[in-house]
């Protein structure tokens, strides 16, 4: 598993450090011991280099993703502005036209109601006339 591999790496790094320190702590340092210490140090630094590489890759990916999101946000902002402008130039006149038609319908309905009242009154008057004449 990943945690056991990580544990093995940490133990290996700790063991390498101890060996390196033991080699360097002796009074006499030979060229061979210095080379061996440098190799141990290089092997110990390899996981750190990989981690830094992963971090750099992640940072680069996040930067690209941030750029994509920024562009998309800008595009949506432009789209919103276009729609608002369209509303002002196209929709508002249509709304005004609809309101005018609705007002006209209201006026027409009032006129129809008045005519129907007039018709009803005339009908009653005619019925009254027929009754007086004895026809109804």
Protein backbone atom coordinates (compact mmCIF):
# COMPACT_ATOMS: atom_id res chain seq x y z
CA UNK A 1 0.00 0.00 0.00
CA UNK A 2 0.98 3.63 -0.39
CA UNK A 3 1.44 4.20 3.35
CA UNK A 4 3.77 1.21 3.74
CA UNK A 5 5.86 2.39 0.78
CA UNK A 6 6.00 5.84 2.32
CA UNK A 7 6.99 4.33 5.66
CA UNK A 8 9.73 2.35 3.94
CA UNK A 9 10.99 5.48 2.24
CA UNK A 10 11.04 7.42 5.50
CA UNK A 11 12.91 4.61 7.27
CA UNK A 12 15.32 4.46 4.35
CA UNK A 13 15.85 8.21 4.47
CA UNK A 14 16.36 8.14 8.25
CA UNK A 15 18.78 5.19 7.95
CA UNK A 16 20.65 7.02 5.19
CA UNK A 17 20.93 10.13 7.35
CA UNK A 18 22.30 8.13 10.26
CA UNK A 19 24.85 6.44 8.04
CA UNK A 20 25.82 9.74 6.51
CA UNK A 21 26.25 11.36 9.90
CA UNK A 22 28.28 8.40 11.15
CA UNK A 23 30.56 8.59 8.13
CA UNK A 24 31.04 12.34 8.49
CA UNK A 25 31.50 12.29 12.25
CA UNK A 26 34.64 10.19 12.12
CA UNK A 27 37.84 12.16 12.50
CA UNK A 28 39.36 11.02 9.27
CA UNK A 29 37.35 11.75 6.17
CA UNK A 30 38.52 10.01 3.11
CA UNK A 31 37.59 10.91 -0.40
CA UNK A 32 35.72 7.64 -0.67
CA UNK A 33 33.64 8.44 2.44
CA UNK A 34 32.86 11.92 1.12
CA UNK A 35 31.71 10.44 -2.23
CA UNK A 36 29.62 7.84 -0.40
CA UNK A 37 28.08 10.58 1.81
CA UNK A 38 27.27 12.67 -1.25
CA UNK A 39 25.61 9.65 -2.91
CA UNK A 40 23.56 8.99 0.24
CA UNK A 41 22.58 12.64 0.37
CA UNK A 42 21.62 12.61 -3.32
CA UNK A 43 19.49 9.47 -2.84
CA UNK A 44 17.84 11.07 0.20
CA UNK A 45 17.08 14.25 -1.76
CA UNK A 46 15.48 12.38 -4.67
CA UNK A 47 12.05 12.03 -2.99
CA UNK A 48 12.13 15.73 -2.13
CA UNK A 49 12.91 16.57 -5.75
CA UNK A 50 9.98 14.43 -6.86
CA UNK A 51 7.67 16.15 -4.37
CA UNK A 52 8.82 19.55 -5.58
CA UNK A 53 8.21 18.40 -9.15
CA UNK A 54 4.69 17.26 -8.24
CA UNK A 55 4.05 20.55 -6.49
CA UNK A 56 5.26 22.49 -9.52
CA UNK A 57 3.06 20.40 -11.84
CA UNK A 58 0.05 20.95 -9.57
CA UNK A 59 0.79 24.66 -9.38
CA UNK A 60 1.05 24.89 -13.17
CA UNK A 61 -2.23 22.99 -13.61
CA UNK A 62 -3.99 25.19 -11.06
CA UNK A 63 -2.67 28.32 -12.78
CA UNK A 64 -4.00 27.09 -16.16
CA UNK A 65 -7.34 26.20 -14.59
CA UNK A 66 -7.53 29.64 -12.97
CA UNK A 67 -6.90 31.23 -16.36
CA UNK A 68 -9.65 29.12 -17.93
CA UNK A 69 -12.11 30.06 -15.15
CA UNK A 70 -11.17 33.74 -15.46
CA UNK A 71 -11.77 33.70 -19.23
CA UNK A 72 -15.07 31.91 -18.74
CA UNK A 73 -16.17 34.40 -16.08
CA UNK A 74 -15.25 37.27 -18.41
CA UNK A 75 -17.19 35.65 -21.28
CA UNK A 76 -20.26 35.18 -19.08
CA UNK A 77 -19.97 38.78 -17.94
CA UNK A 78 -19.92 39.91 -21.57
CA UNK A 79 -22.89 37.65 -22.35
CA UNK A 80 -24.81 39.18 -19.44
CA UNK A 81 -24.05 42.68 -20.72
CA UNK A 82 -25.24 41.70 -24.21
CA UNK A 83 -28.49 40.29 -22.78
CA UNK A 84 -29.07 43.40 -20.69
CA UNK A 85 -28.46 45.56 -23.74
CA UNK A 86 -30.77 43.35 -25.79
CA UNK A 87 -33.41 43.72 -23.11
CA UNK A 88 -33.18 47.48 -23.34
CA UNK A 89 -33.19 47.63 -27.12
CA UNK A 90 -35.53 44.75 -28.01
CA UNK A 91 -37.56 43.60 -25.05
CA UNK A 92 -38.48 46.92 -23.44
CA UNK A 93 -40.15 48.23 -26.64
CA UNK A 94 -42.04 44.94 -26.91
CA UNK A 95 -43.16 45.24 -23.30
CA UNK A 96 -44.37 48.78 -24.00
CA UNK A 97 -46.25 47.50 -27.06
CA UNK A 98 -47.82 44.70 -25.00
CA UNK A 99 -48.89 47.24 -22.37
CA UNK A 100 -50.46 49.42 -25.08
CA UNK A 101 -52.37 46.42 -26.47
CA UNK A 102 -53.53 45.45 -22.96
CA UNK A 103 -54.73 49.03 -22.39
CA UNK A 104 -56.55 48.89 -25.72
CA UNK A 105 -58.18 45.59 -24.70
CA UNK A 106 -59.35 47.17 -21.44
CA UNK A 107 -60.85 50.13 -23.34
CA UNK A 108 -62.49 47.80 -25.86
CA UNK A 109 -63.97 45.68 -23.05
CA UNK A 110 -65.37 48.84 -21.42
CA UNK A 111 -66.90 49.92 -24.76
CA UNK A 112 -68.39 46.45 -25.29
CA UNK A 113 -69.84 46.48 -21.75
CA UNK A 114 -71.38 49.93 -22.38
CA UNK A 115 -72.88 48.75 -25.69
CA UNK A 116 -74.28 45.63 -24.01
CA UNK A 117 -75.89 47.81 -21.33
CA UNK A 118 -77.37 49.99 -24.06
CA UNK A 119 -78.64 46.91 -25.88
CA UNK A 120 -80.15 45.54 -22.66
CA UNK A 121 -81.88 48.89 -21.96
CA UNK A 122 -83.15 49.06 -25.55
CA UNK A 123 -84.38 45.48 -25.31
CA UNK A 124 -86.29 46.33 -22.13
CA UNK A 125 -87.75 49.46 -23.76
CA UNK A 126 -88.83 47.48 -26.84
CA UNK A 127 -90.38 44.81 -24.60
CA UNK A 128 -92.25 47.56 -22.77
CA UNK A 129 -93.48 48.99 -26.08
CA UNK A 130 -94.70 45.58 -27.20
CA UNK A 131 -96.57 45.13 -23.95
CA UNK A 132 -98.26 48.53 -24.30
CA UNK A 133 -99.31 47.61 -27.80
CA UNK A 134 -100.60 44.34 -26.53
CA UNK A 135 -98.40 42.26 -28.82
CA UNK A 136 -96.16 40.72 -26.22
